[in-house]
């Protein structure tokens, strides 16, 4: 536990580290990250929605899902927020953005980070592409971040 003064207010930060089993759907999802740099979703047999990140059942119609589909490495920013202050628990040094990204071929959004040169250019509808770590371990952060497509060399 640590204490820090901020703007005259006192705050206390408490961490609760824990280990948990991923379950089947998330396990397959993260294994594809690690082994193939692929993003997989599950398709609902009743309503046809493709859910990313994968889960075992459809939130809309409660159907069990087992049909794996690969979705795109690119997607569209739906909403975002820019983080401008560093914190030891953040995945990147500030500034960076947390964004809800609807990947091509998916009907739901994946929450992840976006690194950009110009954070004012991140708007709804901005196109981004996955940037992978060289060494992957089967973790959501194996996908290091998304980057705006117009900022990437062609």
N, C-alpha and C. Protein backbone atom coordinates (compact mmCIF):
# COMPACT_ATOMS: atom_id res chain seq x y z
N UNK A 1 0.84 -1.17 0.00
CA UNK A 1 0.00 0.00 0.00
C UNK A 1 0.89 1.24 0.00
N UNK A 2 0.52 2.23 -0.77
CA UNK A 2 1.30 3.47 -0.79
C UNK A 2 0.38 4.66 -0.65
N UNK A 3 0.92 5.72 -0.10
CA UNK A 3 0.17 6.96 0.04
C UNK A 3 0.82 8.02 -0.82
N UNK A 4 0.03 8.91 -1.39
CA UNK A 4 0.59 10.01 -2.14
C UNK A 4 -0.34 11.20 -2.03
N UNK A 5 0.25 12.38 -1.96
CA UNK A 5 -0.54 13.60 -1.90
C UNK A 5 -0.72 14.13 -3.31
N UNK A 6 -1.92 14.53 -3.62
CA UNK A 6 -2.21 15.03 -4.96
C UNK A 6 -3.21 16.17 -4.81
N UNK A 7 -2.79 17.36 -5.18
CA UNK A 7 -3.66 18.54 -5.10
C UNK A 7 -4.22 18.72 -3.69
N UNK A 8 -3.42 18.42 -2.68
CA UNK A 8 -3.87 18.58 -1.31
C UNK A 8 -4.73 17.43 -0.80
N UNK A 9 -5.17 16.55 -1.68
CA UNK A 9 -5.99 15.41 -1.26
C UNK A 9 -5.08 14.23 -0.97
N UNK A 10 -5.51 13.38 -0.09
CA UNK A 10 -4.76 12.17 0.23
C UNK A 10 -5.40 10.98 -0.45
N UNK A 11 -4.59 10.20 -1.11
CA UNK A 11 -5.12 9.01 -1.76
C UNK A 11 -4.34 7.79 -1.29
N UNK A 12 -5.00 6.67 -1.31
CA UNK A 12 -4.37 5.41 -0.96
C UNK A 12 -4.59 4.47 -2.12
N UNK A 13 -3.52 3.83 -2.57
CA UNK A 13 -3.62 2.84 -3.65
C UNK A 13 -3.45 1.46 -3.05
N UNK A 14 -4.36 0.57 -3.41
CA UNK A 14 -4.32 -0.80 -2.92
C UNK A 14 -4.30 -1.73 -4.13
N UNK A 15 -3.38 -2.68 -4.15
CA UNK A 15 -3.32 -3.66 -5.22
C UNK A 15 -3.81 -5.00 -4.73
N UNK A 16 -4.48 -5.74 -5.61
CA UNK A 16 -4.96 -7.08 -5.32
C UNK A 16 -4.51 -8.03 -6.42
N UNK A 17 -3.22 -8.38 -6.46
CA UNK A 17 -2.79 -9.32 -7.49
C UNK A 17 -3.39 -10.70 -7.27
N UNK A 18 -3.78 -11.36 -8.35
CA UNK A 18 -4.35 -12.69 -8.25
C UNK A 18 -4.12 -13.44 -9.55
N UNK A 19 -4.25 -14.72 -9.49
CA UNK A 19 -4.14 -15.58 -10.66
C UNK A 19 -5.47 -16.28 -10.85
N UNK A 20 -5.91 -16.37 -12.10
CA UNK A 20 -7.19 -16.99 -12.39
C UNK A 20 -7.08 -17.78 -13.68
N UNK A 21 -7.82 -18.88 -13.78
CA UNK A 21 -7.87 -19.65 -15.01
C UNK A 21 -8.62 -18.84 -16.07
N UNK A 22 -8.19 -18.97 -17.32
CA UNK A 22 -8.82 -18.19 -18.38
C UNK A 22 -10.13 -18.78 -18.85
N UNK A 23 -10.32 -20.08 -18.70
CA UNK A 23 -11.47 -20.74 -19.31
C UNK A 23 -11.16 -21.06 -20.75
N UNK A 24 -12.02 -21.85 -21.38
CA UNK A 24 -11.76 -22.34 -22.73
C UNK A 24 -11.66 -21.20 -23.76
N UNK A 25 -12.66 -20.35 -23.84
CA UNK A 25 -12.71 -19.33 -24.90
C UNK A 25 -11.53 -18.37 -24.81
N UNK A 26 -11.29 -17.83 -23.65
CA UNK A 26 -10.19 -16.88 -23.49
C UNK A 26 -8.85 -17.58 -23.68
N UNK A 27 -8.75 -18.84 -23.25
CA UNK A 27 -7.53 -19.61 -23.45
C UNK A 27 -7.18 -19.77 -24.92
N UNK A 28 -8.16 -20.12 -25.74
CA UNK A 28 -7.93 -20.26 -27.19
C UNK A 28 -7.59 -18.89 -27.79
N UNK A 29 -8.30 -17.86 -27.38
CA UNK A 29 -8.08 -16.49 -27.85
C UNK A 29 -6.63 -16.06 -27.59
N UNK A 30 -6.14 -16.25 -26.36
CA UNK A 30 -4.78 -15.83 -26.00
C UNK A 30 -3.71 -16.73 -26.61
N UNK A 31 -4.01 -18.00 -26.80
CA UNK A 31 -3.06 -18.91 -27.46
C UNK A 31 -2.84 -18.49 -28.91
N UNK A 32 -3.90 -18.04 -29.58
CA UNK A 32 -3.77 -17.55 -30.95
C UNK A 32 -2.93 -16.28 -30.99
N UNK A 33 -3.06 -15.43 -29.98
CA UNK A 33 -2.19 -14.25 -29.87
C UNK A 33 -0.74 -14.70 -29.84
N UNK A 34 -0.45 -15.60 -28.91
CA UNK A 34 0.93 -16.02 -28.65
C UNK A 34 1.54 -16.76 -29.83
N UNK A 35 0.83 -17.73 -30.37
CA UNK A 35 1.42 -18.65 -31.35
C UNK A 35 1.32 -18.17 -32.79
N UNK A 36 0.29 -17.39 -33.12
CA UNK A 36 0.04 -17.08 -34.53
C UNK A 36 -0.15 -15.60 -34.83
N UNK A 37 -0.13 -14.74 -33.81
CA UNK A 37 -0.45 -13.32 -33.99
C UNK A 37 -1.78 -13.16 -34.72
N UNK A 38 -2.77 -13.95 -34.30
CA UNK A 38 -4.11 -13.89 -34.88
C UNK A 38 -5.09 -13.43 -33.80
N UNK A 39 -6.14 -12.76 -34.27
CA UNK A 39 -7.21 -12.35 -33.38
C UNK A 39 -8.44 -13.17 -33.76
N UNK A 40 -8.87 -13.99 -32.81
CA UNK A 40 -10.01 -14.87 -33.05
C UNK A 40 -11.23 -14.40 -32.28
N UNK A 41 -12.39 -14.63 -32.87
CA UNK A 41 -13.65 -14.38 -32.20
C UNK A 41 -14.50 -15.62 -32.29
N UNK A 42 -15.60 -15.61 -31.56
CA UNK A 42 -16.57 -16.70 -31.65
C UNK A 42 -17.84 -16.16 -32.28
N UNK A 43 -18.40 -16.95 -33.20
CA UNK A 43 -19.61 -16.56 -33.92
C UNK A 43 -20.81 -17.26 -33.31
N UNK A 44 -21.85 -16.48 -33.03
CA UNK A 44 -23.07 -17.01 -32.45
C UNK A 44 -23.86 -17.78 -33.51
N UNK A 45 -24.25 -19.03 -33.22
CA UNK A 45 -25.00 -19.81 -34.20
C UNK A 45 -26.45 -19.33 -34.38
N UNK A 46 -26.96 -18.55 -33.42
CA UNK A 46 -28.35 -18.08 -33.53
C UNK A 46 -28.46 -16.70 -34.16
N UNK A 47 -27.71 -15.72 -33.64
CA UNK A 47 -27.86 -14.36 -34.16
C UNK A 47 -26.74 -13.95 -35.11
N UNK A 48 -25.68 -14.76 -35.21
CA UNK A 48 -24.62 -14.50 -36.17
C UNK A 48 -23.58 -13.48 -35.74
N UNK A 49 -23.71 -12.93 -34.53
CA UNK A 49 -22.72 -11.95 -34.06
C UNK A 49 -21.36 -12.61 -33.87
N UNK A 50 -20.30 -11.87 -34.19
CA UNK A 50 -18.93 -12.31 -33.93
C UNK A 50 -18.43 -11.51 -32.74
N UNK A 51 -18.07 -12.22 -31.68
CA UNK A 51 -17.71 -11.60 -30.40
C UNK A 51 -16.20 -11.66 -30.19
N UNK A 52 -15.59 -10.49 -29.99
CA UNK A 52 -14.17 -10.34 -29.69
C UNK A 52 -14.05 -9.34 -28.56
N UNK A 53 -13.38 -9.68 -27.45
CA UNK A 53 -12.70 -10.95 -27.21
C UNK A 53 -13.71 -12.08 -27.05
N UNK A 54 -13.23 -13.28 -27.36
CA UNK A 54 -14.10 -14.46 -27.37
C UNK A 54 -14.66 -14.76 -25.99
N UNK A 55 -15.90 -15.22 -25.98
CA UNK A 55 -16.52 -15.74 -24.76
C UNK A 55 -17.40 -16.92 -25.16
N UNK A 56 -17.72 -17.76 -24.19
CA UNK A 56 -18.38 -19.03 -24.49
C UNK A 56 -19.85 -18.92 -24.87
N UNK A 57 -20.49 -17.79 -24.59
CA UNK A 57 -21.92 -17.65 -24.86
C UNK A 57 -22.21 -16.27 -25.42
N UNK A 58 -23.31 -16.16 -26.11
CA UNK A 58 -23.73 -14.88 -26.68
C UNK A 58 -24.48 -14.08 -25.61
N UNK A 59 -24.07 -12.86 -25.41
CA UNK A 59 -24.73 -12.00 -24.41
C UNK A 59 -26.13 -11.61 -24.83
N UNK A 60 -26.44 -11.63 -26.13
CA UNK A 60 -27.76 -11.21 -26.61
C UNK A 60 -28.78 -12.33 -26.57
N UNK A 61 -28.39 -13.52 -27.03
CA UNK A 61 -29.40 -14.60 -27.11
C UNK A 61 -29.05 -15.81 -26.25
N UNK A 62 -27.94 -15.75 -25.51
CA UNK A 62 -27.53 -16.78 -24.56
C UNK A 62 -27.16 -18.11 -25.20
N UNK A 63 -26.94 -18.13 -26.51
CA UNK A 63 -26.55 -19.37 -27.19
C UNK A 63 -25.10 -19.71 -26.88
N UNK A 64 -24.81 -20.99 -26.77
CA UNK A 64 -23.43 -21.45 -26.65
C UNK A 64 -22.74 -21.20 -27.98
N UNK A 65 -21.48 -20.75 -27.90
CA UNK A 65 -20.74 -20.46 -29.13
C UNK A 65 -19.52 -21.36 -29.21
N UNK A 66 -19.27 -21.91 -30.41
CA UNK A 66 -18.11 -22.77 -30.60
C UNK A 66 -17.47 -22.60 -31.97
N UNK A 67 -18.04 -21.74 -32.83
CA UNK A 67 -17.48 -21.54 -34.17
C UNK A 67 -16.46 -20.41 -34.14
N UNK A 68 -15.17 -20.78 -34.24
CA UNK A 68 -14.09 -19.80 -34.23
C UNK A 68 -13.95 -19.15 -35.59
N UNK A 69 -13.75 -17.83 -35.60
CA UNK A 69 -13.49 -17.09 -36.84
C UNK A 69 -12.34 -16.13 -36.59
N UNK A 70 -11.50 -15.98 -37.59
CA UNK A 70 -10.43 -14.98 -37.49
C UNK A 70 -10.98 -13.64 -37.94
N UNK A 71 -10.71 -12.61 -37.16
CA UNK A 71 -11.11 -11.26 -37.54
C UNK A 71 -9.87 -10.50 -37.98
N UNK A 72 -10.08 -9.30 -38.50
CA UNK A 72 -8.99 -8.52 -39.06
C UNK A 72 -8.02 -7.97 -38.03
N UNK A 73 -6.84 -7.63 -38.50
CA UNK A 73 -5.81 -6.98 -37.69
C UNK A 73 -6.04 -5.47 -37.65
N UNK A 74 -6.99 -5.00 -38.46
CA UNK A 74 -7.33 -3.59 -38.51
C UNK A 74 -8.75 -3.40 -38.00
N UNK A 75 -9.01 -2.20 -37.54
CA UNK A 75 -10.34 -1.90 -37.06
C UNK A 75 -10.60 -0.42 -36.98
N UNK A 76 -11.76 -0.09 -36.41
CA UNK A 76 -12.23 1.28 -36.32
C UNK A 76 -12.37 1.68 -34.85
N UNK A 77 -11.84 2.85 -34.50
CA UNK A 77 -12.00 3.37 -33.15
C UNK A 77 -13.45 3.81 -32.97
N UNK A 78 -14.08 3.29 -31.92
CA UNK A 78 -15.45 3.67 -31.60
C UNK A 78 -15.45 4.80 -30.58
N UNK A 79 -14.64 4.66 -29.55
CA UNK A 79 -14.47 5.70 -28.55
C UNK A 79 -13.10 5.54 -27.92
N UNK A 80 -12.62 6.56 -27.24
CA UNK A 80 -11.28 6.52 -26.69
C UNK A 80 -11.12 7.58 -25.60
N UNK A 81 -10.04 7.46 -24.85
CA UNK A 81 -9.63 8.50 -23.93
C UNK A 81 -8.11 8.52 -23.91
N UNK A 82 -7.54 9.70 -23.83
CA UNK A 82 -6.09 9.84 -23.82
C UNK A 82 -5.61 9.94 -22.38
N UNK A 83 -4.58 9.15 -22.07
CA UNK A 83 -3.95 9.17 -20.74
C UNK A 83 -2.72 10.04 -20.85
N UNK A 84 -2.64 11.07 -20.04
CA UNK A 84 -1.53 12.02 -20.15
C UNK A 84 -0.64 12.05 -18.91
N UNK A 85 -0.84 11.10 -18.02
CA UNK A 85 -0.06 11.04 -16.79
C UNK A 85 0.46 9.62 -16.60
N UNK A 86 1.72 9.48 -16.26
CA UNK A 86 2.30 8.15 -16.05
C UNK A 86 1.83 7.53 -14.75
N UNK A 87 1.77 6.22 -14.76
CA UNK A 87 1.47 5.45 -13.54
C UNK A 87 2.14 4.09 -13.70
N UNK A 88 2.63 3.57 -12.61
CA UNK A 88 3.36 2.30 -12.64
C UNK A 88 2.52 1.15 -13.21
N UNK A 89 1.22 1.19 -13.09
CA UNK A 89 0.36 0.11 -13.57
C UNK A 89 -0.07 0.26 -15.02
N UNK A 90 0.23 1.40 -15.65
CA UNK A 90 -0.17 1.60 -17.03
C UNK A 90 0.73 0.79 -17.97
N UNK A 91 0.17 0.31 -19.08
CA UNK A 91 0.94 -0.54 -19.99
C UNK A 91 1.97 0.21 -20.84
N UNK A 92 1.85 1.54 -20.94
CA UNK A 92 2.77 2.35 -21.74
C UNK A 92 3.04 3.66 -21.00
N UNK A 93 4.18 4.29 -21.27
CA UNK A 93 4.39 5.63 -20.73
C UNK A 93 3.39 6.61 -21.37
N UNK A 94 2.98 7.61 -20.63
CA UNK A 94 2.07 8.63 -21.17
C UNK A 94 2.83 9.47 -22.20
N UNK A 95 2.14 9.98 -23.20
CA UNK A 95 0.72 9.80 -23.46
C UNK A 95 0.46 8.52 -24.26
N UNK A 96 -0.73 7.97 -24.05
CA UNK A 96 -1.26 6.88 -24.86
C UNK A 96 -2.77 6.95 -24.72
N UNK A 97 -3.47 6.19 -25.52
CA UNK A 97 -4.94 6.20 -25.45
C UNK A 97 -5.44 4.80 -25.15
N UNK A 98 -6.51 4.74 -24.37
CA UNK A 98 -7.30 3.52 -24.28
C UNK A 98 -8.41 3.70 -25.30
N UNK A 99 -8.68 2.68 -26.09
CA UNK A 99 -9.71 2.81 -27.12
C UNK A 99 -10.53 1.54 -27.22
N UNK A 100 -11.79 1.71 -27.56
CA UNK A 100 -12.66 0.60 -27.94
C UNK A 100 -12.53 0.50 -29.45
N UNK A 101 -11.99 -0.65 -29.92
CA UNK A 101 -11.73 -0.86 -31.34
C UNK A 101 -12.64 -1.98 -31.84
N UNK A 102 -13.44 -1.66 -32.87
CA UNK A 102 -14.24 -2.70 -33.54
C UNK A 102 -13.41 -3.21 -34.70
N UNK A 103 -12.89 -4.42 -34.53
CA UNK A 103 -12.04 -5.02 -35.55
C UNK A 103 -12.86 -5.43 -36.76
N UNK A 104 -12.25 -5.38 -37.93
CA UNK A 104 -12.93 -5.79 -39.16
C UNK A 104 -13.39 -7.24 -39.01
N UNK A 105 -14.68 -7.47 -39.19
CA UNK A 105 -15.25 -8.81 -39.07
C UNK A 105 -15.85 -9.10 -37.71
N UNK A 106 -15.70 -8.18 -36.76
CA UNK A 106 -16.26 -8.36 -35.41
C UNK A 106 -17.47 -7.45 -35.21
N UNK A 107 -18.36 -7.87 -34.33
CA UNK A 107 -19.54 -7.06 -34.02
C UNK A 107 -19.44 -6.40 -32.66
N UNK A 108 -18.40 -6.71 -31.90
CA UNK A 108 -18.18 -6.11 -30.60
C UNK A 108 -16.83 -5.42 -30.61
N UNK A 109 -16.53 -4.70 -29.54
CA UNK A 109 -15.28 -3.94 -29.47
C UNK A 109 -14.29 -4.59 -28.52
N UNK A 110 -13.03 -4.41 -28.84
CA UNK A 110 -11.92 -4.84 -28.00
C UNK A 110 -11.31 -3.61 -27.37
N UNK A 111 -11.22 -3.60 -26.04
CA UNK A 111 -10.57 -2.49 -25.34
C UNK A 111 -9.07 -2.74 -25.35
N UNK A 112 -8.32 -1.78 -25.88
CA UNK A 112 -6.86 -1.91 -25.92
C UNK A 112 -6.26 -0.51 -25.99
N UNK A 113 -4.94 -0.47 -26.17
CA UNK A 113 -4.25 0.82 -26.21
C UNK A 113 -3.94 1.23 -27.64
N UNK A 114 -3.85 2.54 -27.84
CA UNK A 114 -3.43 3.12 -29.11
C UNK A 114 -2.26 4.05 -28.82
N UNK A 115 -1.18 3.88 -29.58
CA UNK A 115 -0.04 4.80 -29.52
C UNK A 115 -0.03 5.58 -30.82
N UNK A 116 0.09 6.90 -30.71
CA UNK A 116 0.02 7.77 -31.89
C UNK A 116 0.93 8.97 -31.72
N UNK A 117 1.30 9.56 -32.84
CA UNK A 117 2.07 10.82 -32.78
C UNK A 117 1.14 11.98 -32.47
N UNK A 118 -0.09 11.91 -32.99
CA UNK A 118 -1.04 13.01 -32.84
C UNK A 118 -2.34 12.47 -32.24
N UNK A 119 -2.54 12.66 -30.95
CA UNK A 119 -3.73 12.13 -30.29
C UNK A 119 -4.99 12.90 -30.66
N UNK A 120 -4.84 14.11 -31.20
CA UNK A 120 -6.01 14.84 -31.68
C UNK A 120 -6.59 14.21 -32.94
N UNK A 121 -5.77 13.40 -33.64
CA UNK A 121 -6.24 12.74 -34.86
C UNK A 121 -7.08 11.51 -34.56
N UNK A 122 -7.06 11.04 -33.32
CA UNK A 122 -7.89 9.88 -32.97
C UNK A 122 -9.31 10.38 -32.76
N UNK A 123 -10.17 9.97 -33.64
CA UNK A 123 -11.57 10.37 -33.61
C UNK A 123 -12.41 9.13 -33.87
N UNK A 124 -13.72 9.18 -33.58
CA UNK A 124 -14.56 8.05 -33.97
C UNK A 124 -14.42 7.80 -35.47
N UNK A 125 -14.22 6.55 -35.82
CA UNK A 125 -14.04 6.19 -37.22
C UNK A 125 -12.59 6.10 -37.65
N UNK A 126 -11.65 6.54 -36.79
CA UNK A 126 -10.23 6.43 -37.14
C UNK A 126 -9.85 4.97 -37.32
N UNK A 127 -9.04 4.70 -38.32
CA UNK A 127 -8.62 3.33 -38.62
C UNK A 127 -7.29 3.05 -37.93
N UNK A 128 -7.20 1.87 -37.29
CA UNK A 128 -6.00 1.46 -36.58
C UNK A 128 -5.63 0.03 -36.98
N UNK A 129 -4.36 -0.31 -36.73
CA UNK A 129 -3.84 -1.64 -37.05
C UNK A 129 -3.09 -2.18 -35.84
N UNK A 130 -3.19 -3.49 -35.62
CA UNK A 130 -2.52 -4.16 -34.50
C UNK A 130 -1.01 -4.12 -34.68
N UNK A 131 -0.30 -3.89 -33.57
CA UNK A 131 1.16 -3.95 -33.53
C UNK A 131 1.50 -4.97 -32.45
N UNK A 132 2.19 -6.05 -32.85
CA UNK A 132 2.46 -7.17 -31.96
C UNK A 132 3.85 -7.08 -31.34
N UNK A 133 3.98 -7.63 -30.14
CA UNK A 133 5.30 -7.78 -29.53
C UNK A 133 6.05 -8.90 -30.25
N UNK A 134 7.36 -8.80 -30.28
CA UNK A 134 8.17 -9.86 -30.89
C UNK A 134 8.11 -11.13 -30.05
N UNK A 135 8.22 -10.98 -28.74
CA UNK A 135 8.14 -12.12 -27.83
C UNK A 135 6.77 -12.11 -27.16
N UNK A 136 6.02 -13.19 -27.36
CA UNK A 136 4.65 -13.26 -26.85
C UNK A 136 4.52 -14.40 -25.86
N UNK A 137 3.64 -14.21 -24.87
CA UNK A 137 3.52 -15.17 -23.76
C UNK A 137 2.11 -15.70 -23.56
N UNK A 138 1.16 -15.30 -24.40
CA UNK A 138 -0.22 -15.72 -24.19
C UNK A 138 -0.96 -14.76 -23.27
N UNK A 139 -0.74 -13.48 -23.45
CA UNK A 139 -1.32 -12.41 -22.62
C UNK A 139 -1.97 -11.38 -23.54
N UNK A 140 -2.96 -10.67 -23.05
CA UNK A 140 -3.64 -9.66 -23.86
C UNK A 140 -2.65 -8.61 -24.37
N UNK A 141 -1.55 -8.40 -23.61
CA UNK A 141 -0.57 -7.40 -24.03
C UNK A 141 0.46 -7.96 -25.02
N UNK A 142 0.26 -9.22 -25.50
CA UNK A 142 1.06 -9.69 -26.63
C UNK A 142 0.77 -8.82 -27.85
N UNK A 143 -0.48 -8.36 -27.93
CA UNK A 143 -0.83 -7.32 -28.88
C UNK A 143 -0.39 -6.04 -28.17
N UNK A 144 0.75 -5.50 -28.56
CA UNK A 144 1.34 -4.38 -27.81
C UNK A 144 0.43 -3.16 -27.80
N UNK A 145 -0.09 -2.83 -28.96
CA UNK A 145 -0.97 -1.66 -29.08
C UNK A 145 -1.55 -1.63 -30.49
N UNK A 146 -2.43 -0.70 -30.72
CA UNK A 146 -2.89 -0.37 -32.06
C UNK A 146 -2.25 0.95 -32.45
N UNK A 147 -2.02 1.12 -33.75
CA UNK A 147 -1.45 2.37 -34.26
C UNK A 147 -2.33 2.87 -35.39
N UNK A 148 -2.52 4.19 -35.46
CA UNK A 148 -3.28 4.73 -36.59
C UNK A 148 -2.65 4.31 -37.92
N UNK A 149 -3.47 3.86 -38.85
CA UNK A 149 -2.95 3.36 -40.12
C UNK A 149 -2.22 4.45 -40.89
N UNK A 150 -2.73 5.67 -40.85
CA UNK A 150 -2.07 6.75 -41.63
C UNK A 150 -0.70 7.10 -41.08
N UNK A 151 -0.38 6.70 -39.85
CA UNK A 151 0.94 6.98 -39.28
C UNK A 151 1.94 5.86 -39.54
N UNK A 152 1.49 4.74 -40.08
CA UNK A 152 2.38 3.61 -40.29
C UNK A 152 3.01 3.68 -41.67
N UNK A 153 4.29 3.29 -41.77
CA UNK A 153 4.91 3.28 -43.10
C UNK A 153 4.25 2.24 -43.98
N UNK A 154 4.09 2.55 -45.25
CA UNK A 154 3.43 1.59 -46.15
C UNK A 154 4.38 0.58 -46.73
